[in-house]
Amino acid sequence: MAILSIVLQIILGLGFLNFGFSKFKSPQMVEGFKYFGYPDWFRLFTGTIEIVAAIIILIGIWYSSFAALGAFLIVATMIGAIFTHMKIKDTLKGFMMPVILLILGSTVLILNFPDLFG
C-alpha cells in the first residue's frame, strides 16, 4: 500500500503545484473565480492553499504524517470545489476533476491517517 500512496502523492503533489500556480498567473482562473462569484483574494488564497498542500503531500513521501496532512488539505479544498460547482449548477463534466481529486486525496488520507497520530 505504501507504493500506491507514494504514486498518488506524486500525482497530487505535482498536479496541485500546477493548479496552485495557475491561480496566480492564469487569466482563465481570474475569469473563472469571477464567474463563480468569488472575490480576487479568494483565488489567491485558494492557490496558496493548493501550493502548500502540494508541498506537504510531497514531503509526505518521506514522512507519512505529512502525507495525511497534505491529503486532508486537498480533500477539504476539493469539497469546496464540489460545492462551488453545485452552487453554479455545473454539468457533470464540470464536477469530474474535483470528484476524482477528492477520491485520490481521500485514498492518500486513509492510507496514511494512522501515522498522523502515531
PDB file of N, CA and C in Angstrom:
ATOM      1  N   MET A   1       0.809  -1.203   0.000  1.00  0.00           N
ATOM      2  CA  MET A   1       0.000   0.000   0.000  1.00  0.00           C
ATOM      3  C   MET A   1       0.849   1.263   0.000  1.00  0.00           C
ATOM      4  N   ALA A   2       2.065   1.170   0.517  1.00  0.00           N
ATOM      5  CA  ALA A   2       2.939   2.340   0.562  1.00  0.00           C
ATOM      6  C   ALA A   2       3.254   2.836  -0.849  1.00  0.00           C
ATOM      7  N   ILE A   3       3.430   1.911  -1.780  1.00  0.00           N
ATOM      8  CA  ILE A   3       3.751   2.301  -3.152  1.00  0.00           C
ATOM      9  C   ILE A   3       2.567   3.040  -3.776  1.00  0.00           C
ATOM     10  N   LEU A   4       1.356   2.547  -3.549  1.00  0.00           N
ATOM     11  CA  LEU A   4       0.162   3.227  -4.058  1.00  0.00           C
ATOM     12  C   LEU A   4       0.094   4.647  -3.517  1.00  0.00           C
ATOM     13  N   SER A   5       0.334   4.802  -2.232  1.00  0.00           N
ATOM     14  CA  SER A   5       0.290   6.131  -1.616  1.00  0.00           C
ATOM     15  C   SER A   5       1.341   7.046  -2.235  1.00  0.00           C
ATOM     16  N   ILE A   6       2.547   6.567  -2.412  1.00  0.00           N
ATOM     17  CA  ILE A   6       3.619   7.393  -2.985  1.00  0.00           C
ATOM     18  C   ILE A   6       3.281   7.822  -4.409  1.00  0.00           C
ATOM     19  N   VAL A   7       2.770   6.896  -5.210  1.00  0.00           N
ATOM     20  CA  VAL A   7       2.392   7.232  -6.589  1.00  0.00           C
ATOM     21  C   VAL A   7       1.308   8.309  -6.584  1.00  0.00           C
ATOM     22  N   LEU A   8       0.297   8.140  -5.738  1.00  0.00           N
ATOM     23  CA  LEU A   8      -0.774   9.141  -5.662  1.00  0.00           C
ATOM     24  C   LEU A   8      -0.260  10.473  -5.121  1.00  0.00           C
ATOM     25  N   GLN A   9       0.662  10.436  -4.179  1.00  0.00           N
ATOM     26  CA  GLN A   9       1.241  11.664  -3.641  1.00  0.00           C
ATOM     27  C   GLN A   9       1.992  12.440  -4.721  1.00  0.00           C
ATOM     28  N   ILE A  10       2.723  11.732  -5.556  1.00  0.00           N
ATOM     29  CA  ILE A  10       3.451  12.394  -6.642  1.00  0.00           C
ATOM     30  C   ILE A  10       2.460  13.026  -7.622  1.00  0.00           C
ATOM     31  N   ILE A  11       1.438  12.270  -8.002  1.00  0.00           N
ATOM     32  CA  ILE A  11       0.425  12.793  -8.932  1.00  0.00           C
ATOM     33  C   ILE A  11      -0.258  14.018  -8.333  1.00  0.00           C
ATOM     34  N   LEU A  12      -0.710  13.892  -7.084  1.00  0.00           N
ATOM     35  CA  LEU A  12      -1.411  15.009  -6.440  1.00  0.00           C
ATOM     36  C   LEU A  12      -0.476  16.193  -6.190  1.00  0.00           C
ATOM     37  N   GLY A  13       0.726  15.902  -5.746  1.00  0.00           N
ATOM     38  CA  GLY A  13       1.674  16.970  -5.449  1.00  0.00           C
ATOM     39  C   GLY A  13       2.006  17.794  -6.680  1.00  0.00           C
ATOM     40  N   LEU A  14       2.355  17.123  -7.767  1.00  0.00           N
ATOM     41  CA  LEU A  14       2.686  17.841  -8.996  1.00  0.00           C
ATOM     42  C   LEU A  14       1.459  18.536  -9.571  1.00  0.00           C
ATOM     43  N   GLY A  15       0.320  17.859  -9.516  1.00  0.00           N
ATOM     44  CA  GLY A  15      -0.919  18.451 -10.022  1.00  0.00           C
ATOM     45  C   GLY A  15      -1.307  19.697  -9.254  1.00  0.00           C
ATOM     46  N   PHE A  16      -1.235  19.629  -7.915  1.00  0.00           N
ATOM     47  CA  PHE A  16      -1.640  20.778  -7.113  1.00  0.00           C
ATOM     48  C   PHE A  16      -0.621  21.913  -7.150  1.00  0.00           C
ATOM     49  N   LEU A  17       0.639  21.609  -7.398  1.00  0.00           N
ATOM     50  CA  LEU A  17       1.584  22.700  -7.659  1.00  0.00           C
ATOM     51  C   LEU A  17       1.149  23.455  -8.915  1.00  0.00           C
ATOM     52  N   ASN A  18       0.801  22.701  -9.945  1.00  0.00           N
ATOM     53  CA  ASN A  18       0.350  23.302 -11.202  1.00  0.00           C
ATOM     54  C   ASN A  18      -0.961  24.077 -10.999  1.00  0.00           C
ATOM     55  N   PHE A  19      -1.933  23.462 -10.320  1.00  0.00           N
ATOM     56  CA  PHE A  19      -3.221  24.124 -10.083  1.00  0.00           C
ATOM     57  C   PHE A  19      -3.029  25.397  -9.265  1.00  0.00           C
ATOM     58  N   GLY A  20      -2.199  25.302  -8.239  1.00  0.00           N
ATOM     59  CA  GLY A  20      -1.988  26.448  -7.361  1.00  0.00           C
ATOM     60  C   GLY A  20      -1.330  27.613  -8.080  1.00  0.00           C
ATOM     61  N   PHE A  21      -0.254  27.327  -8.822  1.00  0.00           N
ATOM     62  CA  PHE A  21       0.433  28.402  -9.545  1.00  0.00           C
ATOM     63  C   PHE A  21      -0.461  29.005 -10.626  1.00  0.00           C
ATOM     64  N   SER A  22      -1.334  28.183 -11.210  1.00  0.00           N
ATOM     65  CA  SER A  22      -2.221  28.718 -12.247  1.00  0.00           C
ATOM     66  C   SER A  22      -3.203  29.734 -11.672  1.00  0.00           C
ATOM     67  N   LYS A  23      -3.519  29.615 -10.391  1.00  0.00           N
ATOM     68  CA  LYS A  23      -4.419  30.594  -9.752  1.00  0.00           C
ATOM     69  C   LYS A  23      -3.783  31.981  -9.728  1.00  0.00           C
ATOM     70  N   PHE A  24      -2.463  32.051  -9.762  1.00  0.00           N
ATOM     71  CA  PHE A  24      -1.757  33.329  -9.702  1.00  0.00           C
ATOM     72  C   PHE A  24      -1.519  33.950 -11.079  1.00  0.00           C
ATOM     73  N   LYS A  25      -1.434  33.118 -12.117  1.00  0.00           N
ATOM     74  CA  LYS A  25      -0.991  33.654 -13.401  1.00  0.00           C
ATOM     75  C   LYS A  25      -1.956  33.445 -14.558  1.00  0.00           C
ATOM     76  N   SER A  26      -2.990  32.675 -14.386  1.00  0.00           N
ATOM     77  CA  SER A  26      -3.869  32.330 -15.494  1.00  0.00           C
ATOM     78  C   SER A  26      -5.057  33.293 -15.607  1.00  0.00           C
ATOM     79  N   PRO A  27      -5.191  33.948 -16.758  1.00  0.00           N
ATOM     80  CA  PRO A  27      -6.372  34.803 -16.965  1.00  0.00           C
ATOM     81  C   PRO A  27      -7.679  34.000 -16.892  1.00  0.00           C
ATOM     82  N   GLN A  28      -7.628  32.729 -17.288  1.00  0.00           N
ATOM     83  CA  GLN A  28      -8.821  31.885 -17.210  1.00  0.00           C
ATOM     84  C   GLN A  28      -9.252  31.674 -15.759  1.00  0.00           C
ATOM     85  N   MET A  29      -8.289  31.564 -14.849  1.00  0.00           N
ATOM     86  CA  MET A  29      -8.623  31.414 -13.437  1.00  0.00           C
ATOM     87  C   MET A  29      -9.245  32.692 -12.882  1.00  0.00           C
ATOM     88  N   VAL A  30      -8.719  33.831 -13.306  1.00  0.00           N
ATOM     89  CA  VAL A  30      -9.289  35.110 -12.876  1.00  0.00           C
ATOM     90  C   VAL A  30     -10.756  35.177 -13.295  1.00  0.00           C
ATOM     91  N   GLU A  31     -11.016  34.852 -14.551  1.00  0.00           N
ATOM     92  CA  GLU A  31     -12.392  34.872 -15.059  1.00  0.00           C
ATOM     93  C   GLU A  31     -13.253  33.797 -14.393  1.00  0.00           C
ATOM     94  N   GLY A  32     -12.663  32.618 -14.181  1.00  0.00           N
ATOM     95  CA  GLY A  32     -13.401  31.526 -13.550  1.00  0.00           C
ATOM     96  C   GLY A  32     -13.878  31.887 -12.156  1.00  0.00           C
ATOM     97  N   PHE A  33     -13.013  32.481 -11.357  1.00  0.00           N
ATOM     98  CA  PHE A  33     -13.398  32.852  -9.999  1.00  0.00           C
ATOM     99  C   PHE A  33     -14.431  33.969 -10.010  1.00  0.00           C
ATOM    100  N   LYS A  34     -14.352  34.873 -10.993  1.00  0.00           N
ATOM    101  CA  LYS A  34     -15.390  35.899 -11.140  1.00  0.00           C
ATOM    102  C   LYS A  34     -16.722  35.234 -11.473  1.00  0.00           C
ATOM    103  N   TYR A  35     -16.689  34.275 -12.384  1.00  0.00           N
ATOM    104  CA  TYR A  35     -17.899  33.547 -12.785  1.00  0.00           C
ATOM    105  C   TYR A  35     -18.509  32.814 -11.590  1.00  0.00           C
ATOM    106  N   PHE A  36     -17.650  32.242 -10.737  1.00  0.00           N
ATOM    107  CA  PHE A  36     -18.128  31.526  -9.555  1.00  0.00           C
ATOM    108  C   PHE A  36     -18.681  32.479  -8.498  1.00  0.00           C
ATOM    109  N   GLY A  37     -18.385  33.774  -8.651  1.00  0.00           N
ATOM    110  CA  GLY A  37     -18.877  34.761  -7.700  1.00  0.00           C
ATOM    111  C   GLY A  37     -17.956  34.992  -6.514  1.00  0.00           C
ATOM    112  N   TYR A  38     -16.675  34.645  -6.673  1.00  0.00           N
ATOM    113  CA  TYR A  38     -15.715  34.801  -5.581  1.00  0.00           C
ATOM    114  C   TYR A  38     -14.829  36.023  -5.811  1.00  0.00           C
ATOM    115  N   PRO A  39     -14.412  36.682  -4.732  1.00  0.00           N
ATOM    116  CA  PRO A  39     -13.512  37.831  -4.878  1.00  0.00           C
ATOM    117  C   PRO A  39     -12.103  37.381  -5.274  1.00  0.00           C
ATOM    118  N   ASP A  40     -11.331  38.325  -5.769  1.00  0.00           N
ATOM    119  CA  ASP A  40      -9.990  38.027  -6.254  1.00  0.00           C
ATOM    120  C   ASP A  40      -9.089  37.473  -5.160  1.00  0.00           C
ATOM    121  N   TRP A  41      -9.226  37.960  -3.922  1.00  0.00           N
ATOM    122  CA  TRP A  41      -8.376  37.470  -2.837  1.00  0.00           C
ATOM    123  C   TRP A  41      -8.600  35.982  -2.590  1.00  0.00           C
ATOM    124  N   PHE A  42      -9.827  35.503  -2.851  1.00  0.00           N
ATOM    125  CA  PHE A  42     -10.127  34.093  -2.608  1.00  0.00           C
ATOM    126  C   PHE A  42      -9.404  33.202  -3.615  1.00  0.00           C
ATOM    127  N   ARG A  43      -9.255  33.683  -4.840  1.00  0.00           N
ATOM    128  CA  ARG A  43      -8.476  32.952  -5.855  1.00  0.00           C
ATOM    129  C   ARG A  43      -7.030  32.802  -5.391  1.00  0.00           C
ATOM    130  N   LEU A  44      -6.459  33.887  -4.885  1.00  0.00           N
ATOM    131  CA  LEU A  44      -5.072  33.848  -4.404  1.00  0.00           C
ATOM    132  C   LEU A  44      -4.943  32.971  -3.161  1.00  0.00           C
ATOM    133  N   PHE A  45      -5.924  33.045  -2.271  1.00  0.00           N
ATOM    134  CA  PHE A  45      -5.939  32.200  -1.081  1.00  0.00           C
ATOM    135  C   PHE A  45      -5.996  30.725  -1.478  1.00  0.00           C
ATOM    136  N   THR A  46      -6.888  30.410  -2.417  1.00  0.00           N
ATOM    137  CA  THR A  46      -7.033  29.031  -2.878  1.00  0.00           C
ATOM    138  C   THR A  46      -5.740  28.532  -3.520  1.00  0.00           C
ATOM    139  N   GLY A  47      -5.119  29.369  -4.338  1.00  0.00           N
ATOM    140  CA  GLY A  47      -3.848  28.995  -4.955  1.00  0.00           C
ATOM    141  C   GLY A  47      -2.773  28.730  -3.921  1.00  0.00           C
ATOM    142  N   THR A  48      -2.728  29.559  -2.896  1.00  0.00           N
ATOM    143  CA  THR A  48      -1.740  29.371  -1.826  1.00  0.00           C
ATOM    144  C   THR A  48      -1.975  28.061  -1.091  1.00  0.00           C
ATOM    145  N   ILE A  49      -3.226  27.778  -0.758  1.00  0.00           N
ATOM    146  CA  ILE A  49      -3.559  26.520  -0.072  1.00  0.00           C
ATOM    147  C   ILE A  49      -3.175  25.325  -0.939  1.00  0.00           C
ATOM    148  N   GLU A  50      -3.437  25.407  -2.231  1.00  0.00           N
ATOM    149  CA  GLU A  50      -3.094  24.299  -3.125  1.00  0.00           C
ATOM    150  C   GLU A  50      -1.585  24.084  -3.203  1.00  0.00           C
ATOM    151  N   ILE A  51      -0.814  25.148  -3.248  1.00  0.00           N
ATOM    152  CA  ILE A  51       0.648  25.024  -3.291  1.00  0.00           C
ATOM    153  C   ILE A  51       1.168  24.449  -1.970  1.00  0.00           C
ATOM    154  N   VAL A  52       0.651  24.942  -0.862  1.00  0.00           N
ATOM    155  CA  VAL A  52       1.062  24.431   0.451  1.00  0.00           C
ATOM    156  C   VAL A  52       0.704  22.950   0.572  1.00  0.00           C
ATOM    157  N   ALA A  53      -0.513  22.580   0.170  1.00  0.00           N
ATOM    158  CA  ALA A  53      -0.929  21.175   0.225  1.00  0.00           C
ATOM    159  C   ALA A  53      -0.018  20.306  -0.635  1.00  0.00           C
ATOM    160  N   ALA A  54       0.355  20.804  -1.814  1.00  0.00           N
ATOM    161  CA  ALA A  54       1.238  20.046  -2.709  1.00  0.00           C
ATOM    162  C   ALA A  54       2.598  19.809  -2.074  1.00  0.00           C
ATOM    163  N   ILE A  55       3.152  20.845  -1.487  1.00  0.00           N
ATOM    164  CA  ILE A  55       4.474  20.710  -0.848  1.00  0.00           C
ATOM    165  C   ILE A  55       4.395  19.738   0.315  1.00  0.00           C
ATOM    166  N   ILE A  56       3.361  19.867   1.131  1.00  0.00           N
ATOM    167  CA  ILE A  56       3.216  18.980   2.297  1.00  0.00           C
ATOM    168  C   ILE A  56       3.038  17.535   1.864  1.00  0.00           C
ATOM    169  N   ILE A  57       2.202  17.300   0.842  1.00  0.00           N
ATOM    170  CA  ILE A  57       1.967  15.910   0.425  1.00  0.00           C
ATOM    171  C   ILE A  57       3.223  15.310  -0.213  1.00  0.00           C
ATOM    172  N   LEU A  58       4.033  16.139  -0.867  1.00  0.00           N
ATOM    173  CA  LEU A  58       5.305  15.628  -1.416  1.00  0.00           C
ATOM    174  C   LEU A  58       6.311  15.331  -0.303  1.00  0.00           C
ATOM    175  N   ILE A  59       6.356  16.160   0.722  1.00  0.00           N
ATOM    176  CA  ILE A  59       7.197  15.857   1.889  1.00  0.00           C
ATOM    177  C   ILE A  59       6.755  14.533   2.506  1.00  0.00           C
ATOM    178  N   GLY A  60       5.450  14.271   2.395  1.00  0.00           N
ATOM    179  CA  GLY A  60       4.888  13.033   2.941  1.00  0.00           C
ATOM    180  C   GLY A  60       5.428  11.763   2.313  1.00  0.00           C
ATOM    181  N   ILE A  61       6.121  11.873   1.191  1.00  0.00           N
ATOM    182  CA  ILE A  61       6.760  10.687   0.612  1.00  0.00           C
ATOM    183  C   ILE A  61       7.771  10.121   1.610  1.00  0.00           C
ATOM    184  N   TRP A  62       8.408  10.999   2.373  1.00  0.00           N
ATOM    185  CA  TRP A  62       9.405  10.574   3.354  1.00  0.00           C
ATOM    186  C   TRP A  62       8.856  10.535   4.773  1.00  0.00           C
ATOM    187  N   TYR A  63       7.840  11.338   5.057  1.00  0.00           N
ATOM    188  CA  TYR A  63       7.241  11.410   6.400  1.00  0.00           C
ATOM    189  C   TYR A  63       5.734  11.265   6.242  1.00  0.00           C
ATOM    190  N   SER A  64       5.227  10.059   6.525  1.00  0.00           N
ATOM    191  CA  SER A  64       3.834   9.756   6.186  1.00  0.00           C
ATOM    192  C   SER A  64       2.808  10.618   6.919  1.00  0.00           C
ATOM    193  N   SER A  65       3.152  11.162   8.078  1.00  0.00           N
ATOM    194  CA  SER A  65       2.185  12.039   8.748  1.00  0.00           C
ATOM    195  C   SER A  65       1.943  13.297   7.910  1.00  0.00           C
ATOM    196  N   PHE A  66       2.959  13.745   7.181  1.00  0.00           N
ATOM    197  CA  PHE A  66       2.790  14.885   6.285  1.00  0.00           C
ATOM    198  C   PHE A  66       1.885  14.505   5.112  1.00  0.00           C
ATOM    199  N   ALA A  67       1.971  13.258   4.659  1.00  0.00           N
ATOM    200  CA  ALA A  67       1.102  12.802   3.568  1.00  0.00           C
ATOM    201  C   ALA A  67      -0.356  12.932   3.979  1.00  0.00           C
ATOM    202  N   ALA A  68      -0.669  12.527   5.204  1.00  0.00           N
ATOM    203  CA  ALA A  68      -2.046  12.616   5.691  1.00  0.00           C
ATOM    204  C   ALA A  68      -2.490  14.075   5.796  1.00  0.00           C
ATOM    205  N   LEU A  69      -1.625  14.932   6.290  1.00  0.00           N
ATOM    206  CA  LEU A  69      -1.968  16.349   6.435  1.00  0.00           C
ATOM    207  C   LEU A  69      -2.181  17.010   5.064  1.00  0.00           C
ATOM    208  N   GLY A  70      -1.283  16.761   4.129  1.00  0.00           N
ATOM    209  CA  GLY A  70      -1.435  17.305   2.782  1.00  0.00           C
ATOM    210  C   GLY A  70      -2.695  16.784   2.112  1.00  0.00           C
ATOM    211  N   ALA A  71      -2.973  15.500   2.293  1.00  0.00           N
ATOM    212  CA  ALA A  71      -4.184  14.909   1.717  1.00  0.00           C
ATOM    213  C   ALA A  71      -5.432  15.528   2.333  1.00  0.00           C
ATOM    214  N   PHE A  72      -5.392  15.801   3.631  1.00  0.00           N
ATOM    215  CA  PHE A  72      -6.529  16.451   4.289  1.00  0.00           C
ATOM    216  C   PHE A  72      -6.807  17.816   3.668  1.00  0.00           C
ATOM    217  N   LEU A  73      -5.756  18.585   3.419  1.00  0.00           N
ATOM    218  CA  LEU A  73      -5.934  19.898   2.783  1.00  0.00           C
ATOM    219  C   LEU A  73      -6.517  19.763   1.376  1.00  0.00           C
ATOM    220  N   ILE A  74      -6.065  18.759   0.643  1.00  0.00           N
ATOM    221  CA  ILE A  74      -6.585  18.524  -0.706  1.00  0.00           C
ATOM    222  C   ILE A  74      -8.051  18.116  -0.646  1.00  0.00           C
ATOM    223  N   VAL A  75      -8.390  17.226   0.273  1.00  0.00           N
ATOM    224  CA  VAL A  75      -9.782  16.792   0.418  1.00  0.00           C
ATOM    225  C   VAL A  75     -10.674  17.983   0.760  1.00  0.00           C
ATOM    226  N   ALA A  76     -10.251  18.798   1.713  1.00  0.00           N
ATOM    227  CA  ALA A  76     -11.046  19.971   2.101  1.00  0.00           C
ATOM    228  C   ALA A  76     -11.222  20.933   0.925  1.00  0.00           C
ATOM    229  N   THR A  77     -10.156  21.144   0.165  1.00  0.00           N
ATOM    230  CA  THR A  77     -10.216  22.034  -0.996  1.00  0.00           C
ATOM    231  C   THR A  77     -11.163  21.484  -2.057  1.00  0.00           C
ATOM    232  N   MET A  78     -11.122  20.187  -2.286  1.00  0.00           N
ATOM    233  CA  MET A  78     -11.986  19.590  -3.300  1.00  0.00           C
ATOM    234  C   MET A  78     -13.447  19.562  -2.864  1.00  0.00           C
ATOM    235  N   ILE A  79     -13.696  19.436  -1.584  1.00  0.00           N
ATOM    236  CA  ILE A  79     -15.078  19.546  -1.107  1.00  0.00           C
ATOM    237  C   ILE A  79     -15.598  20.953  -1.404  1.00  0.00           C
ATOM    238  N   GLY A  80     -14.771  21.959  -1.164  1.00  0.00           N
ATOM    239  CA  GLY A  80     -15.148  23.327  -1.511  1.00  0.00           C
ATOM    240  C   GLY A  80     -15.388  23.495  -2.997  1.00  0.00           C
ATOM    241  N   ALA A  81     -14.531  22.878  -3.813  1.00  0.00           N
ATOM    242  CA  ALA A  81     -14.695  22.968  -5.274  1.00  0.00           C
ATOM    243  C   ALA A  81     -16.000  22.310  -5.716  1.00  0.00           C
ATOM    244  N   ILE A  82     -16.318  21.178  -5.118  1.00  0.00           N
ATOM    245  CA  ILE A  82     -17.562  20.479  -5.468  1.00  0.00           C
ATOM    246  C   ILE A  82     -18.775  21.335  -5.097  1.00  0.00           C
ATOM    247  N   PHE A  83     -18.742  21.939  -3.913  1.00  0.00           N
ATOM    248  CA  PHE A  83     -19.849  22.826  -3.524  1.00  0.00           C
ATOM    249  C   PHE A  83     -19.965  24.019  -4.472  1.00  0.00           C
ATOM    250  N   THR A  84     -18.831  24.527  -4.939  1.00  0.00           N
ATOM    251  CA  THR A  84     -18.858  25.626  -5.903  1.00  0.00           C
ATOM    252  C   THR A  84     -19.545  25.190  -7.189  1.00  0.00           C
ATOM    253  N   HIS A  85     -19.205  23.997  -7.674  1.00  0.00           N
ATOM    254  CA  HIS A  85     -19.834  23.502  -8.901  1.00  0.00           C
ATOM    255  C   HIS A  85     -21.327  23.231  -8.696  1.00  0.00           C
ATOM    256  N   MET A  86     -21.691  22.823  -7.483  1.00  0.00           N
ATOM    257  CA  MET A  86     -23.111  22.653  -7.174  1.00  0.00           C
ATOM    258  C   MET A  86     -23.817  24.010  -7.158  1.00  0.00           C
ATOM    259  N   LYS A  87     -23.155  25.013  -6.581  1.00  0.00           N
ATOM    260  CA  LYS A  87     -23.717  26.363  -6.469  1.00  0.00           C
ATOM    261  C   LYS A  87     -24.066  26.938  -7.837  1.00  0.00           C
ATOM    262  N   ILE A  88     -23.196  26.722  -8.816  1.00  0.00           N
ATOM    263  CA  ILE A  88     -23.446  27.278 -10.151  1.00  0.00           C
ATOM    264  C   ILE A  88     -24.227  26.306 -11.045  1.00  0.00           C
ATOM    265  N   LYS A  89     -24.623  25.169 -10.449  1.00  0.00           N
ATOM    266  CA  LYS A  89     -25.387  24.148 -11.195  1.00  0.00           C
ATOM    267  C   LYS A  89     -24.626  23.706 -12.449  1.00  0.00           C
ATOM    268  N   ASP A  90     -23.371  23.363 -12.232  1.00  0.00           N
ATOM    269  CA  ASP A  90     -22.488  22.955 -13.327  1.00  0.00           C
ATOM    270  C   ASP A  90     -22.903  21.595 -13.887  1.00  0.00           C
ATOM    271  N   THR A  91     -22.397  21.278 -15.064  1.00  0.00           N
ATOM    272  CA  THR A  91     -22.662  19.984 -15.690  1.00  0.00           C
ATOM    273  C   THR A  91     -21.839  18.901 -14.997  1.00  0.00           C
ATOM    274  N   LEU A  92     -22.176  17.672 -15.281  1.00  0.00           N
ATOM    275  CA  LEU A  92     -21.435  16.535 -14.723  1.00  0.00           C
ATOM    276  C   LEU A  92     -19.955  16.622 -15.093  1.00  0.00           C
ATOM    277  N   LYS A  93     -19.666  17.072 -16.297  1.00  0.00           N
ATOM    278  CA  LYS A  93     -18.275  17.219 -16.745  1.00  0.00           C
ATOM    279  C   LYS A  93     -17.505  18.181 -15.839  1.00  0.00           C
ATOM    280  N   GLY A  94     -18.152  19.251 -15.399  1.00  0.00           N
ATOM    281  CA  GLY A  94     -17.509  20.217 -14.514  1.00  0.00           C
ATOM    282  C   GLY A  94     -17.180  19.643 -13.147  1.00  0.00           C
ATOM    283  N   PHE A  95     -17.943  18.640 -12.723  1.00  0.00           N
ATOM    284  CA  PHE A  95     -17.732  18.000 -11.424  1.00  0.00           C
ATOM    285  C   PHE A  95     -16.625  16.949 -11.448  1.00  0.00           C
ATOM    286  N   MET A  96     -16.297  16.448 -12.620  1.00  0.00           N
ATOM    287  CA  MET A  96     -15.432  15.265 -12.699  1.00  0.00           C
ATOM    288  C   MET A  96     -14.051  15.456 -12.061  1.00  0.00           C
ATOM    289  N   MET A  97     -13.351  16.522 -12.407  1.00  0.00           N
ATOM    290  CA  MET A  97     -11.999  16.699 -11.882  1.00  0.00           C
ATOM    291  C   MET A  97     -12.000  16.838 -10.357  1.00  0.00           C
ATOM    292  N   PRO A  98     -12.847  17.691  -9.764  1.00  0.00           N
ATOM    293  CA  PRO A  98     -12.833  17.769  -8.295  1.00  0.00           C
ATOM    294  C   PRO A  98     -13.198  16.438  -7.624  1.00  0.00           C
ATOM    295  N   VAL A  99     -14.113  15.685  -8.218  1.00  0.00           N
ATOM    296  CA  VAL A  99     -14.504  14.395  -7.634  1.00  0.00           C
ATOM    297  C   VAL A  99     -13.342  13.407  -7.704  1.00  0.00           C
ATOM    298  N   ILE A 100     -12.675  13.347  -8.846  1.00  0.00           N
ATOM    299  CA  ILE A 100     -11.528  12.441  -8.989  1.00  0.00           C
ATOM    300  C   ILE A 100     -10.429  12.820  -8.000  1.00  0.00           C
ATOM    301  N   LEU A 101     -10.136  14.121  -7.897  1.00  0.00           N
ATOM    302  CA  LEU A 101      -9.097  14.564  -6.962  1.00  0.00           C
ATOM    303  C   LEU A 101      -9.514  14.326  -5.512  1.00  0.00           C
ATOM    304  N   LEU A 102     -10.798  14.434  -5.220  1.00  0.00           N
ATOM    305  CA  LEU A 102     -11.299  14.107  -3.877  1.00  0.00           C
ATOM    306  C   LEU A 102     -11.062  12.637  -3.564  1.00  0.00           C
ATOM    307  N   ILE A 103     -11.341  11.763  -4.511  1.00  0.00           N
ATOM    308  CA  ILE A 103     -11.136  10.328  -4.304  1.00  0.00           C
ATOM    309  C   ILE A 103      -9.652  10.011  -4.120  1.00  0.00           C
ATOM    310  N   LEU A 104      -8.790  10.589  -4.957  1.00  0.00           N
ATOM    311  CA  LEU A 104      -7.352  10.340  -4.828  1.00  0.00           C
ATOM    312  C   LEU A 104      -6.818  10.879  -3.497  1.00  0.00           C
ATOM    313  N   GLY A 105      -7.221  12.093  -3.141  1.00  0.00           N
ATOM    314  CA  GLY A 105      -6.800  12.665  -1.867  1.00  0.00           C
ATOM    315  C   GLY A 105      -7.305  11.853  -0.682  1.00  0.00           C
ATOM    316  N   SER A 106      -8.552  11.397  -0.752  1.00  0.00           N
ATOM    317  CA  SER A 106      -9.119  10.570   0.325  1.00  0.00           C
ATOM    318  C   SER A 106      -8.364   9.258   0.469  1.00  0.00           C
ATOM    319  N   THR A 107      -7.954   8.692  -0.654  1.00  0.00           N
ATOM    320  CA  THR A 107      -7.189   7.444  -0.612  1.00  0.00           C
ATOM    321  C   THR A 107      -5.863   7.651   0.113  1.00  0.00           C
ATOM    322  N   VAL A 108      -5.153   8.720  -0.217  1.00  0.00           N
ATOM    323  CA  VAL A 108      -3.883   9.013   0.467  1.00  0.00           C
ATOM    324  C   VAL A 108      -4.136   9.283   1.950  1.00  0.00           C
ATOM    325  N   LEU A 109      -5.190  10.013   2.261  1.00  0.00           N
ATOM    326  CA  LEU A 109      -5.518  10.300   3.657  1.00  0.00           C
ATOM    327  C   LEU A 109      -5.782   9.012   4.430  1.00  0.00           C
ATOM    328  N   ILE A 110      -6.585   8.123   3.869  1.00  0.00           N
ATOM    329  CA  ILE A 110      -6.912   6.856   4.543  1.00  0.00           C
ATOM    330  C   ILE A 110      -5.664   5.996   4.715  1.00  0.00           C
ATOM    331  N   LEU A 111      -4.831   5.925   3.676  1.00  0.00           N
ATOM    332  CA  LEU A 111      -3.631   5.086   3.762  1.00  0.00           C
ATOM    333  C   LEU A 111      -2.625   5.599   4.789  1.00  0.00           C
ATOM    334  N   ASN A 112      -2.622   6.898   5.042  1.00  0.00           N
ATOM    335  CA  ASN A 112      -1.617   7.492   5.932  1.00  0.00           C
ATOM    336  C   ASN A 112      -2.191   8.024   7.249  1.00  0.00           C
ATOM    337  N   PHE A 113      -3.496   7.922   7.425  1.00  0.00           N
ATOM    338  CA  PHE A 113      -4.144   8.501   8.602  1.00  0.00           C
ATOM    339  C   PHE A 113      -3.588   7.985   9.930  1.00  0.00           C
ATOM    340  N   PRO A 114      -3.335   6.675  10.064  1.00  0.00           N
ATOM    341  CA  PRO A 114      -2.798   6.210  11.354  1.00  0.00           C
ATOM    342  C   PRO A 114      -1.486   6.884  11.743  1.00  0.00           C
ATOM    343  N   ASP A 115      -0.682   7.252  10.759  1.00  0.00           N
ATOM    344  CA  ASP A 115       0.615   7.884  11.030  1.00  0.00           C
ATOM    345  C   ASP A 115       0.476   9.329  11.493  1.00  0.00           C
ATOM    346  N   LEU A 116      -0.677   9.914  11.266  1.00  0.00           N
ATOM    347  CA  LEU A 116      -0.911  11.299  11.671  1.00  0.00           C
ATOM    348  C   LEU A 116      -0.881  11.416  13.195  1.00  0.00           C
ATOM    349  N   PHE A 117      -1.322  10.376  13.878  1.00  0.00           N
ATOM    350  CA  PHE A 117      -1.385  10.406  15.340  1.00  0.00           C
ATOM    351  C   PHE A 117      -0.356   9.494  15.991  1.00  0.00           C
ATOM    352  N   GLY A 118       0.402   8.766  15.168  1.00  0.00           N
ATOM    353  CA  GLY A 118       1.349   7.782  15.686  1.00  0.00           C
ATOM    354  C   GLY A 118       2.617   8.386  16.054  1.00  0.00           C
TER     355      GLY A 118
END
